[in-house]
PDB file of N, CA and C in Angstrom:
ATOM      1  N   SER A   1      75.586  67.882  63.568  1.00  0.00           N
ATOM      2  CA  SER A   1      75.416  68.169  64.914  1.00  0.00           C
ATOM      3  C   SER A   1      74.674  69.472  65.127  1.00  0.00           C
ATOM      4  N   SER A   2      73.865  69.654  66.139  1.00  0.00           N
ATOM      5  CA  SER A   2      73.257  70.938  66.600  1.00  0.00           C
ATOM      6  C   SER A   2      73.673  71.470  67.858  1.00  0.00           C
ATOM      7  N   GLY A   3      73.365  72.889  68.078  1.00  0.00           N
ATOM      8  CA  GLY A   3      73.667  73.460  69.148  1.00  0.00           C
ATOM      9  C   GLY A   3      73.125  74.839  69.271  1.00  0.00           C
ATOM     10  N   ILE A   4      73.340  75.592  70.231  1.00  0.00           N
ATOM     11  CA  ILE A   4      72.723  76.860  70.450  1.00  0.00           C
ATOM     12  C   ILE A   4      73.977  77.885  70.559  1.00  0.00           C
ATOM     13  N   ASN A   5      73.796  79.273  69.892  1.00  0.00           N
ATOM     14  CA  ASN A   5      75.105  80.160  69.967  1.00  0.00           C
ATOM     15  C   ASN A   5      74.878  81.004  71.320  1.00  0.00           C
ATOM     16  N   ALA A   6      75.407  81.976  71.658  1.00  0.00           N
ATOM     17  CA  ALA A   6      75.475  82.923  72.510  1.00  0.00           C
ATOM     18  C   ALA A   6      74.164  83.718  72.572  1.00  0.00           C
ATOM     19  N   GLU A   7      73.647  83.967  71.269  1.00  0.00           N
ATOM     20  CA  GLU A   7      72.372  84.424  71.211  1.00  0.00           C
ATOM     21  C   GLU A   7      71.130  83.700  71.421  1.00  0.00           C
ATOM     22  N   ARG A   8      71.329  82.442  71.638  1.00  0.00           N
ATOM     23  CA  ARG A   8      70.288  81.316  71.912  1.00  0.00           C
ATOM     24  C   ARG A   8      69.515  81.020  70.698  1.00  0.00           C
ATOM     25  N   ALA A   9      70.298  81.281  69.510  1.00  0.00           N
ATOM     26  CA  ALA A   9      69.891  80.891  68.305  1.00  0.00           C
ATOM     27  C   ALA A   9      70.173  79.465  67.881  1.00  0.00           C
ATOM     28  N   PRO A  10      69.402  78.621  67.352  1.00  0.00           N
ATOM     29  CA  PRO A  10      69.761  77.412  67.045  1.00  0.00           C
ATOM     30  C   PRO A  10      70.809  77.193  65.910  1.00  0.00           C
ATOM     31  N   GLN A  11      71.651  76.394  65.956  1.00  0.00           N
ATOM     32  CA  GLN A  11      72.660  76.253  64.812  1.00  0.00           C
ATOM     33  C   GLN A  11      72.821  74.614  64.552  1.00  0.00           C
ATOM     34  N   VAL A  12      72.715  74.373  63.110  1.00  0.00           N
ATOM     35  CA  VAL A  12      73.162  72.974  62.697  1.00  0.00           C
ATOM     36  C   VAL A  12      74.364  73.054  61.923  1.00  0.00           C
ATOM     37  N   GLN A  13      75.158  72.159  62.124  1.00  0.00           N
ATOM     38  CA  GLN A  13      76.370  71.876  61.432  1.00  0.00           C
ATOM     39  C   GLN A  13      76.136  71.241  60.073  1.00  0.00           C
ATOM     40  N   LEU A  14      76.603  71.640  58.802  1.00  0.00           N
ATOM     41  CA  LEU A  14      76.384  70.918  57.879  1.00  0.00           C
ATOM     42  C   LEU A  14      77.919  70.604  57.206  1.00  0.00           C
ATOM     43  N   ASP A  15      77.886  69.271  56.587  1.00  0.00           N
ATOM     44  CA  ASP A  15      79.192  68.787  55.900  1.00  0.00           C
ATOM     45  C   ASP A  15      79.181  69.437  54.598  1.00  0.00           C
ATOM     46  N   GLN A  16      80.490  69.753  54.056  1.00  0.00           N
ATOM     47  CA  GLN A  16      80.611  70.242  52.901  1.00  0.00           C
ATOM     48  C   GLN A  16      80.053  69.327  51.865  1.00  0.00           C
ATOM     49  N   GLY A  17      79.555  69.584  50.932  1.00  0.00           N
ATOM     50  CA  GLY A  17      79.051  68.899  49.814  1.00  0.00           C
ATOM     51  C   GLY A  17      77.754  68.050  50.363  1.00  0.00           C
ATOM     52  N   GLU A  18      77.243  68.304  51.509  1.00  0.00           N
ATOM     53  CA  GLU A  18      76.066  67.553  51.826  1.00  0.00           C
ATOM     54  C   GLU A  18      74.877  68.546  52.102  1.00  0.00           C
ATOM     55  N   GLU A  19      74.976  69.674  51.722  1.00  0.00           N
ATOM     56  CA  GLU A  19      74.075  70.824  52.024  1.00  0.00           C
ATOM     57  C   GLU A  19      72.799  70.422  51.416  1.00  0.00           C
ATOM     58  N   PRO A  20      71.688  70.802  52.319  1.00  0.00           N
ATOM     59  CA  PRO A  20      70.389  70.281  51.961  1.00  0.00           C
ATOM     60  C   PRO A  20      70.004  71.616  51.121  1.00  0.00           C
ATOM     61  N   PRO A  21      68.999  71.375  50.137  1.00  0.00           N
ATOM     62  CA  PRO A  21      68.286  72.365  49.173  1.00  0.00           C
ATOM     63  C   PRO A  21      68.003  73.629  49.665  1.00  0.00           C
ATOM     64  N   ALA A  22      67.277  73.432  50.925  1.00  0.00           N
ATOM     65  CA  ALA A  22      67.043  74.805  51.625  1.00  0.00           C
ATOM     66  C   ALA A  22      68.196  75.906  51.962  1.00  0.00           C
ATOM     67  N   PHE A  23      69.276  75.241  52.386  1.00  0.00           N
ATOM     68  CA  PHE A  23      70.575  75.920  52.667  1.00  0.00           C
ATOM     69  C   PHE A  23      71.073  76.437  51.342  1.00  0.00           C
ATOM     70  N   LEU A  24      70.995  75.660  50.129  1.00  0.00           N
ATOM     71  CA  LEU A  24      71.461  76.363  48.864  1.00  0.00           C
ATOM     72  C   LEU A  24      70.683  77.282  48.388  1.00  0.00           C
ATOM     73  N   GLN A  25      69.342  77.446  48.798  1.00  0.00           N
ATOM     74  CA  GLN A  25      68.624  78.353  48.174  1.00  0.00           C
ATOM     75  C   GLN A  25      68.784  79.700  48.580  1.00  0.00           C
ATOM     76  N   ILE A  26      69.612  79.790  49.840  1.00  0.00           N
ATOM     77  CA  ILE A  26      69.928  80.987  50.434  1.00  0.00           C
ATOM     78  C   ILE A  26      70.830  81.752  49.483  1.00  0.00           C
ATOM     79  N   PHE A  27      71.641  81.140  48.710  1.00  0.00           N
ATOM     80  CA  PHE A  27      72.572  81.616  47.675  1.00  0.00           C
ATOM     81  C   PHE A  27      71.969  81.729  46.287  1.00  0.00           C
ATOM     82  N   LYS A  28      70.786  81.284  46.048  1.00  0.00           N
ATOM     83  CA  LYS A  28      70.157  81.645  44.855  1.00  0.00           C
ATOM     84  C   LYS A  28      70.920  81.056  43.659  1.00  0.00           C
ATOM     85  N   GLY A  29      71.641  79.835  43.722  1.00  0.00           N
ATOM     86  CA  GLY A  29      72.371  79.317  42.955  1.00  0.00           C
ATOM     87  C   GLY A  29      73.641  79.771  42.534  1.00  0.00           C
ATOM     88  N   GLY A  30      74.053  80.661  43.584  1.00  0.00           N
ATOM     89  CA  GLY A  30      75.651  81.364  43.364  1.00  0.00           C
ATOM     90  C   GLY A  30      76.393  80.985  44.524  1.00  0.00           C
ATOM     91  N   MET A  31      76.271  79.824  45.049  1.00  0.00           N
ATOM     92  CA  MET A  31      77.418  79.325  46.119  1.00  0.00           C
ATOM     93  C   MET A  31      78.382  78.811  45.506  1.00  0.00           C
ATOM     94  N   VAL A  32      79.500  79.068  45.748  1.00  0.00           N
ATOM     95  CA  VAL A  32      80.824  78.487  45.286  1.00  0.00           C
ATOM     96  C   VAL A  32      81.835  78.061  46.229  1.00  0.00           C
ATOM     97  N   THR A  33      82.181  76.625  46.326  1.00  0.00           N
ATOM     98  CA  THR A  33      83.329  76.276  47.129  1.00  0.00           C
ATOM     99  C   THR A  33      84.434  76.052  46.745  1.00  0.00           C
ATOM    100  N   TYR A  34      85.564  76.765  47.097  1.00  0.00           N
ATOM    101  CA  TYR A  34      86.876  76.683  46.674  1.00  0.00           C
ATOM    102  C   TYR A  34      87.803  75.734  47.384  1.00  0.00           C
ATOM    103  N   GLN A  35      88.683  75.078  46.810  1.00  0.00           N
ATOM    104  CA  GLN A  35      89.789  74.309  47.293  1.00  0.00           C
ATOM    105  C   GLN A  35      90.686  75.304  47.997  1.00  0.00           C
ATOM    106  N   GLY A  36      91.293  74.762  49.302  1.00  0.00           N
ATOM    107  CA  GLY A  36      92.418  75.164  49.949  1.00  0.00           C
ATOM    108  C   GLY A  36      91.949  76.525  50.629  1.00  0.00           C
ATOM    109  N   LYS A  37      93.043  77.211  50.864  1.00  0.00           N
ATOM    110  CA  LYS A  37      92.886  78.403  51.882  1.00  0.00           C
ATOM    111  C   LYS A  37      92.808  79.727  51.143  1.00  0.00           C
ATOM    112  N   LEU A  38      92.286  80.737  51.457  1.00  0.00           N
ATOM    113  CA  LEU A  38      92.177  82.091  50.992  1.00  0.00           C
ATOM    114  C   LEU A  38      93.496  82.532  50.219  1.00  0.00           C
ATOM    115  N   GLU A  39      94.451  82.429  51.033  1.00  0.00           N
ATOM    116  CA  GLU A  39      95.926  82.943  50.571  1.00  0.00           C
ATOM    117  C   GLU A  39      96.208  82.092  49.334  1.00  0.00           C
ATOM    118  N   ASP A  40      95.792  80.842  49.077  1.00  0.00           N
ATOM    119  CA  ASP A  40      96.053  80.094  47.851  1.00  0.00           C
ATOM    120  C   ASP A  40      95.608  80.638  46.823  1.00  0.00           C
ATOM    121  N   HIS A  41      94.524  81.306  46.758  1.00  0.00           N
ATOM    122  CA  HIS A  41      93.539  81.794  45.619  1.00  0.00           C
ATOM    123  C   HIS A  41      94.179  83.016  45.031  1.00  0.00           C
ATOM    124  N   ILE A  42      94.980  83.818  45.728  1.00  0.00           N
ATOM    125  CA  ILE A  42      95.448  84.892  45.168  1.00  0.00           C
ATOM    126  C   ILE A  42      96.295  84.876  43.966  1.00  0.00           C
ATOM    127  N   GLN A  43      97.024  83.716  43.861  1.00  0.00           N
ATOM    128  CA  GLN A  43      97.792  83.729  42.701  1.00  0.00           C
ATOM    129  C   GLN A  43      97.132  82.613  41.698  1.00  0.00           C
ATOM    130  N   VAL A  44      95.961  81.996  41.813  1.00  0.00           N
ATOM    131  CA  VAL A  44      95.442  81.185  40.903  1.00  0.00           C
ATOM    132  C   VAL A  44      94.722  81.738  39.974  1.00  0.00           C
ATOM    133  N   TYR A  45      95.115  81.611  38.657  1.00  0.00           N
ATOM    134  CA  TYR A  45      94.290  82.172  37.590  1.00  0.00           C
ATOM    135  C   TYR A  45      93.310  81.386  36.748  1.00  0.00           C
ATOM    136  N   ARG A  46      93.451  80.023  36.804  1.00  0.00           N
ATOM    137  CA  ARG A  46      92.500  79.198  36.333  1.00  0.00           C
ATOM    138  C   ARG A  46      91.910  78.292  37.334  1.00  0.00           C
ATOM    139  N   ARG A  47      90.494  77.994  37.263  1.00  0.00           N
ATOM    140  CA  ARG A  47      89.939  77.158  38.222  1.00  0.00           C
ATOM    141  C   ARG A  47      88.801  76.373  37.292  1.00  0.00           C
ATOM    142  N   LEU A  48      88.845  75.120  37.813  1.00  0.00           N
ATOM    143  CA  LEU A  48      87.758  74.338  37.296  1.00  0.00           C
ATOM    144  C   LEU A  48      86.871  73.618  38.306  1.00  0.00           C
ATOM    145  N   PHE A  49      85.477  74.115  37.975  1.00  0.00           N
ATOM    146  CA  PHE A  49      84.316  73.804  38.960  1.00  0.00           C
ATOM    147  C   PHE A  49      83.531  72.770  38.218  1.00  0.00           C
ATOM    148  N   PHE A  50      82.915  71.920  39.311  1.00  0.00           N
ATOM    149  CA  PHE A  50      81.792  71.046  38.910  1.00  0.00           C
ATOM    150  C   PHE A  50      80.535  71.704  39.119  1.00  0.00           C
ATOM    151  N   TYR A  51      79.602  71.569  38.408  1.00  0.00           N
ATOM    152  CA  TYR A  51      78.254  72.153  38.762  1.00  0.00           C
ATOM    153  C   TYR A  51      77.478  70.998  39.468  1.00  0.00           C
ATOM    154  N   ARG A  52      76.638  71.320  40.389  1.00  0.00           N
ATOM    155  CA  ARG A  52      75.725  70.198  41.022  1.00  0.00           C
ATOM    156  C   ARG A  52      74.499  71.002  41.475  1.00  0.00           C
ATOM    157  N   GLY A  53      73.411  70.298  41.121  1.00  0.00           N
ATOM    158  CA  GLY A  53      72.087  71.044  41.481  1.00  0.00           C
ATOM    159  C   GLY A  53      70.901  70.403  40.551  1.00  0.00           C
ATOM    160  N   GLU A  54      69.787  70.140  41.308  1.00  0.00           N
ATOM    161  CA  GLU A  54      68.573  69.946  40.390  1.00  0.00           C
ATOM    162  C   GLU A  54      67.750  71.045  39.800  1.00  0.00           C
ATOM    163  N   VAL A  55      67.846  72.259  40.471  1.00  0.00           N
ATOM    164  CA  VAL A  55      67.329  73.366  40.122  1.00  0.00           C
ATOM    165  C   VAL A  55      68.106  74.558  40.135  1.00  0.00           C
ATOM    166  N   GLU A  56      67.951  75.612  39.280  1.00  0.00           N
ATOM    167  CA  GLU A  56      68.981  76.645  39.302  1.00  0.00           C
ATOM    168  C   GLU A  56      69.076  77.502  40.716  1.00  0.00           C
ATOM    169  N   CYS A  57      68.169  77.517  41.588  1.00  0.00           N
ATOM    170  CA  CYS A  57      68.192  78.195  42.814  1.00  0.00           C
ATOM    171  C   CYS A  57      68.769  77.355  43.982  1.00  0.00           C
ATOM    172  N   GLU A  58      69.081  76.000  43.520  1.00  0.00           N
ATOM    173  CA  GLU A  58      69.771  75.192  44.468  1.00  0.00           C
ATOM    174  C   GLU A  58      71.028  74.737  43.794  1.00  0.00           C
ATOM    175  N   GLY A  59      71.482  75.388  42.852  1.00  0.00           N
ATOM    176  CA  GLY A  59      72.697  75.041  42.065  1.00  0.00           C
ATOM    177  C   GLY A  59      73.847  75.448  43.071  1.00  0.00           C
ATOM    178  N   ALA A  60      75.326  74.876  42.712  1.00  0.00           N
ATOM    179  CA  ALA A  60      76.335  75.250  43.437  1.00  0.00           C
ATOM    180  C   ALA A  60      77.511  74.715  42.540  1.00  0.00           C
ATOM    181  N   LEU A  61      78.610  75.598  42.467  1.00  0.00           N
ATOM    182  CA  LEU A  61      79.906  75.169  42.001  1.00  0.00           C
ATOM    183  C   LEU A  61      80.884  74.537  42.949  1.00  0.00           C
ATOM    184  N   LEU A  62      81.380  73.512  42.724  1.00  0.00           N
ATOM    185  CA  LEU A  62      82.599  73.040  43.643  1.00  0.00           C
ATOM    186  C   LEU A  62      83.719  72.845  42.867  1.00  0.00           C
ATOM    187  N   GLN A  63      84.893  73.736  43.422  1.00  0.00           N
ATOM    188  CA  GLN A  63      86.059  73.594  42.648  1.00  0.00           C
ATOM    189  C   GLN A  63      86.814  72.221  42.762  1.00  0.00           C
ATOM    190  N   LEU A  64      87.299  71.893  41.913  1.00  0.00           N
ATOM    191  CA  LEU A  64      88.071  70.700  41.601  1.00  0.00           C
ATOM    192  C   LEU A  64      89.651  70.849  41.914  1.00  0.00           C
ATOM    193  N   PRO A  65      90.325  69.921  42.485  1.00  0.00           N
ATOM    194  CA  PRO A  65      91.681  70.191  42.811  1.00  0.00           C
ATOM    195  C   PRO A  65      92.693  70.392  41.613  1.00  0.00           C
ATOM    196  N   ASP A  66      92.304  70.012  40.541  1.00  0.00           N
ATOM    197  CA  ASP A  66      93.339  70.114  39.352  1.00  0.00           C
ATOM    198  C   ASP A  66      92.355  70.327  38.072  1.00  0.00           C
ATOM    199  N   ILE A  67      93.121  70.812  37.094  1.00  0.00           N
ATOM    200  CA  ILE A  67      92.480  70.995  35.738  1.00  0.00           C
ATOM    201  C   ILE A  67      92.766  70.065  34.729  1.00  0.00           C
ATOM    202  N   THR A  68      92.379  68.856  34.576  1.00  0.00           N
ATOM    203  CA  THR A  68      92.552  68.014  33.741  1.00  0.00           C
ATOM    204  C   THR A  68      91.244  67.167  32.987  1.00  0.00           C
ATOM    205  N   ALA A  69      91.455  66.808  31.809  1.00  0.00           N
ATOM    206  CA  ALA A  69      90.348  66.186  30.849  1.00  0.00           C
ATOM    207  C   ALA A  69      89.785  64.973  31.741  1.00  0.00           C
ATOM    208  N   THR A  70      90.671  64.330  32.503  1.00  0.00           N
ATOM    209  CA  THR A  70      90.164  63.231  33.239  1.00  0.00           C
ATOM    210  C   THR A  70      88.965  63.427  34.187  1.00  0.00           C
ATOM    211  N   ARG A  71      88.905  64.665  34.639  1.00  0.00           N
ATOM    212  CA  ARG A  71      87.989  65.261  35.585  1.00  0.00           C
ATOM    213  C   ARG A  71      86.708  65.204  34.912  1.00  0.00           C
ATOM    214  N   LEU A  72      86.350  65.430  33.659  1.00  0.00           N
ATOM    215  CA  LEU A  72      85.075  65.644  32.949  1.00  0.00           C
ATOM    216  C   LEU A  72      84.515  64.493  32.876  1.00  0.00           C
ATOM    217  N   ARG A  73      83.171  64.498  32.787  1.00  0.00           N
ATOM    218  CA  ARG A  73      82.065  63.372  32.977  1.00  0.00           C
ATOM    219  C   ARG A  73      81.046  63.747  31.935  1.00  0.00           C
ATOM    220  N   SER A  74      80.584  62.591  31.292  1.00  0.00           N
ATOM    221  CA  SER A  74      79.660  62.756  30.066  1.00  0.00           C
ATOM    222  C   SER A  74      78.253  63.125  30.846  1.00  0.00           C
ATOM    223  N   ARG A  75      77.959  62.996  31.984  1.00  0.00           N
ATOM    224  CA  ARG A  75      76.731  63.332  32.497  1.00  0.00           C
ATOM    225  C   ARG A  75      76.685  64.660  33.273  1.00  0.00           C
ATOM    226  N   GLY A  76      77.840  65.408  33.316  1.00  0.00           N
ATOM    227  CA  GLY A  76      78.003  66.552  34.192  1.00  0.00           C
ATOM    228  C   GLY A  76      78.440  67.784  33.336  1.00  0.00           C
ATOM    229  N   SER A  77      78.263  68.695  34.074  1.00  0.00           N
ATOM    230  CA  SER A  77      78.625  70.165  33.403  1.00  0.00           C
ATOM    231  C   SER A  77      79.739  71.027  34.422  1.00  0.00           C
ATOM    232  N   PHE A  78      80.544  71.358  33.616  1.00  0.00           N
ATOM    233  CA  PHE A  78      81.748  72.145  34.433  1.00  0.00           C
ATOM    234  C   PHE A  78      81.775  73.557  33.957  1.00  0.00           C
ATOM    235  N   VAL A  79      82.514  74.458  34.877  1.00  0.00           N
ATOM    236  CA  VAL A  79      82.739  75.603  34.505  1.00  0.00           C
ATOM    237  C   VAL A  79      84.204  75.985  34.683  1.00  0.00           C
ATOM    238  N   LEU A  80      85.036  76.438  33.724  1.00  0.00           N
ATOM    239  CA  LEU A  80      86.469  76.809  33.769  1.00  0.00           C
ATOM    240  C   LEU A  80      86.434  78.325  33.985  1.00  0.00           C
ATOM    241  N   GLN A  81      87.146  78.762  34.978  1.00  0.00           N
ATOM    242  CA  GLN A  81      87.363  80.287  35.045  1.00  0.00           C
ATOM    243  C   GLN A  81      88.844  80.517  34.758  1.00  0.00           C
ATOM    244  N   ASP A  82      88.962  81.486  33.682  1.00  0.00           N
ATOM    245  CA  ASP A  82      90.305  81.520  32.987  1.00  0.00           C
ATOM    246  C   ASP A  82      90.677  83.002  33.482  1.00  0.00           C
ATOM    247  N   GLY A  83      91.131  83.274  34.613  1.00  0.00           N
ATOM    248  CA  GLY A  83      91.909  84.456  35.049  1.00  0.00           C
ATOM    249  C   GLY A  83      90.761  85.704  35.377  1.00  0.00           C
ATOM    250  N   GLY A  84      89.590  85.319  35.519  1.00  0.00           N
ATOM    251  CA  GLY A  84      88.607  86.268  35.812  1.00  0.00           C
ATOM    252  C   GLY A  84      88.050  87.055  34.473  1.00  0.00           C
ATOM    253  N   GLU A  85      88.663  86.881  33.551  1.00  0.00           N
ATOM    254  CA  GLU A  85      88.379  87.537  32.244  1.00  0.00           C
ATOM    255  C   GLU A  85      87.537  86.737  31.548  1.00  0.00           C
ATOM    256  N   LYS A  86      87.400  85.610  31.338  1.00  0.00           N
ATOM    257  CA  LYS A  86      86.662  84.534  30.725  1.00  0.00           C
ATOM    258  C   LYS A  86      86.180  83.514  31.415  1.00  0.00           C
ATOM    259  N   VAL A  87      85.115  82.887  31.120  1.00  0.00           N
ATOM    260  CA  VAL A  87      84.300  81.779  31.870  1.00  0.00           C
ATOM    261  C   VAL A  87      83.815  81.008  30.927  1.00  0.00           C
ATOM    262  N   TYR A  88      84.314  79.616  30.913  1.00  0.00           N
ATOM    263  CA  TYR A  88      83.792  78.839  29.852  1.00  0.00           C
ATOM    264  C   TYR A  88      82.828  77.617  30.550  1.00  0.00           C
ATOM    265  N   VAL A  89      81.840  77.210  29.750  1.00  0.00           N
ATOM    266  CA  VAL A  89      81.040  76.277  30.368  1.00  0.00           C
ATOM    267  C   VAL A  89      81.171  74.988  29.276  1.00  0.00           C
ATOM    268  N   TRP A  90      81.264  73.805  29.874  1.00  0.00           N
ATOM    269  CA  TRP A  90      81.445  72.503  29.235  1.00  0.00           C
ATOM    270  C   TRP A  90      80.425  71.542  29.808  1.00  0.00           C
ATOM    271  N   HIS A  91      79.673  71.115  28.769  1.00  0.00           N
ATOM    272  CA  HIS A  91      78.646  69.856  29.105  1.00  0.00           C
ATOM    273  C   HIS A  91      78.948  68.591  28.586  1.00  0.00           C
ATOM    274  N   GLY A  92      78.885  67.490  29.251  1.00  0.00           N
ATOM    275  CA  GLY A  92      78.996  66.236  28.811  1.00  0.00           C
ATOM    276  C   GLY A  92      77.909  65.906  27.821  1.00  0.00           C
ATOM    277  N   SER A  93      78.116  65.027  26.987  1.00  0.00           N
ATOM    278  CA  SER A  93      77.009  64.534  25.963  1.00  0.00           C
ATOM    279  C   SER A  93      75.655  64.050  26.606  1.00  0.00           C
ATOM    280  N   LYS A  94      75.758  63.582  27.854  1.00  0.00           N
ATOM    281  CA  LYS A  94      74.569  63.026  28.380  1.00  0.00           C
ATOM    282  C   LYS A  94      74.092  64.063  29.625  1.00  0.00           C
ATOM    283  N   SER A  95      74.556  65.444  29.564  1.00  0.00           N
ATOM    284  CA  SER A  95      73.900  66.436  30.613  1.00  0.00           C
ATOM    285  C   SER A  95      72.621  66.610  30.249  1.00  0.00           C
ATOM    286  N   ARG A  96      71.993  66.665  31.575  1.00  0.00           N
ATOM    287  CA  ARG A  96      70.387  66.835  31.433  1.00  0.00           C
ATOM    288  C   ARG A  96      70.134  68.566  31.271  1.00  0.00           C
ATOM    289  N   ALA A  97      69.097  68.678  30.681  1.00  0.00           N
ATOM    290  CA  ALA A  97      68.693  70.056  30.434  1.00  0.00           C
ATOM    291  C   ALA A  97      68.827  70.933  31.643  1.00  0.00           C
ATOM    292  N   HIS A  98      68.497  70.430  32.988  1.00  0.00           N
ATOM    293  CA  HIS A  98      68.362  71.311  33.970  1.00  0.00           C
ATOM    294  C   HIS A  98      69.825  71.717  34.461  1.00  0.00           C
ATOM    295  N   THR A  99      70.723  70.434  34.273  1.00  0.00           N
ATOM    296  CA  THR A  99      72.138  70.861  34.565  1.00  0.00           C
ATOM    297  C   THR A  99      72.783  71.816  33.545  1.00  0.00           C
ATOM    298  N   VAL A 100      72.420  71.702  32.336  1.00  0.00           N
ATOM    299  CA  VAL A 100      72.989  72.673  31.341  1.00  0.00           C
ATOM    300  C   VAL A 100      72.521  74.141  31.708  1.00  0.00           C
ATOM    301  N   SER A 101      71.177  74.393  32.014  1.00  0.00           N
ATOM    302  CA  SER A 101      70.723  75.756  32.385  1.00  0.00           C
ATOM    303  C   SER A 101      71.421  76.198  33.703  1.00  0.00           C
ATOM    304  N   GLY A 102      71.408  75.356  34.873  1.00  0.00           N
ATOM    305  CA  GLY A 102      71.994  75.596  35.861  1.00  0.00           C
ATOM    306  C   GLY A 102      73.417  76.181  35.774  1.00  0.00           C
ATOM    307  N   ALA A 103      74.270  75.311  35.200  1.00  0.00           N
ATOM    308  CA  ALA A 103      75.743  75.634  34.902  1.00  0.00           C
ATOM    309  C   ALA A 103      75.874  77.080  34.385  1.00  0.00           C
ATOM    310  N   PHE A 104      75.182  77.204  33.321  1.00  0.00           N
ATOM    311  CA  PHE A 104      75.177  78.603  32.560  1.00  0.00           C
ATOM    312  C   PHE A 104      74.751  79.711  33.709  1.00  0.00           C
ATOM    313  N   CYS A 105      73.832  79.454  34.566  1.00  0.00           N
ATOM    314  CA  CYS A 105      73.480  80.562  35.432  1.00  0.00           C
ATOM    315  C   CYS A 105      74.507  80.748  36.585  1.00  0.00           C
ATOM    316  N   ALA A 106      75.006  79.452  36.974  1.00  0.00           N
ATOM    317  CA  ALA A 106      76.100  79.617  38.022  1.00  0.00           C
ATOM    318  C   ALA A 106      77.395  80.366  37.439  1.00  0.00           C
ATOM    319  N   ALA A 107      77.697  80.021  36.120  1.00  0.00           N
ATOM    320  CA  ALA A 107      78.810  80.466  35.526  1.00  0.00           C
ATOM    321  C   ALA A 107      78.683  82.133  35.335  1.00  0.00           C
ATOM    322  N   HIS A 108      77.432  82.624  34.947  1.00  0.00           N
ATOM    323  CA  HIS A 108      77.310  84.027  34.890  1.00  0.00           C
ATOM    324  C   HIS A 108      77.274  84.559  36.296  1.00  0.00           C
ATOM    325  N   LYS A 109      76.862  84.026  37.293  1.00  0.00           N
ATOM    326  CA  LYS A 109      76.983  84.645  38.661  1.00  0.00           C
ATOM    327  C   LYS A 109      78.578  84.649  39.314  1.00  0.00           C
ATOM    328  N   LEU A 110      79.176  83.599  38.812  1.00  0.00           N
ATOM    329  CA  LEU A 110      80.695  83.556  39.017  1.00  0.00           C
ATOM    330  C   LEU A 110      81.509  84.739  38.310  1.00  0.00           C
ATOM    331  N   PHE A 111      81.296  84.933  37.350  1.00  0.00           N
ATOM    332  CA  PHE A 111      81.656  85.874  36.134  1.00  0.00           C
ATOM    333  C   PHE A 111      81.443  87.320  36.786  1.00  0.00           C
ATOM    334  N   GLU A 112      80.082  87.619  37.261  1.00  0.00           N
ATOM    335  CA  GLU A 112      79.649  88.793  37.777  1.00  0.00           C
ATOM    336  C   GLU A 112      80.350  89.200  39.198  1.00  0.00           C
ATOM    337  N   ASN A 113      80.539  88.142  40.093  1.00  0.00           N
ATOM    338  CA  ASN A 113      81.019  88.545  41.347  1.00  0.00           C
ATOM    339  C   ASN A 113      82.427  88.573  41.184  1.00  0.00           C
ATOM    340  N   TYR A 114      83.182  88.005  40.188  1.00  0.00           N
ATOM    341  CA  TYR A 114      84.682  88.106  40.151  1.00  0.00           C
ATOM    342  C   TYR A 114      85.126  89.410  39.509  1.00  0.00           C
ATOM    343  N   ASN A 115      84.251  90.024  38.708  1.00  0.00           N
ATOM    344  CA  ASN A 115      84.430  91.310  38.044  1.00  0.00           C
ATOM    345  C   ASN A 115      83.774  92.490  38.642  1.00  0.00           C
TER     346      ASN A 115
END
């Protein structure tokens, strides 16, 4: 839906996971969507993210609800954040080249922003 705020600027509501490429470009490949509330993340030391995006500047990380091997997909790339000190990138055997490079870029940004 769309509307106008108090400053008369147009606004458009976006559904999570359905963001258009133009919106994702604002974050230059560094958008991260976390699960749950902010208070929940203070105690979490490990997080698994799924990388989605066709080009690096439109890439985004989406946190998965749990860390299990059943989440991994042969065509996907994933980022595991281990307590902020280390970040691991895993690629399925059928991951495309743009997904691999985009996941590395997003993992690097995640590590930089955390430290």
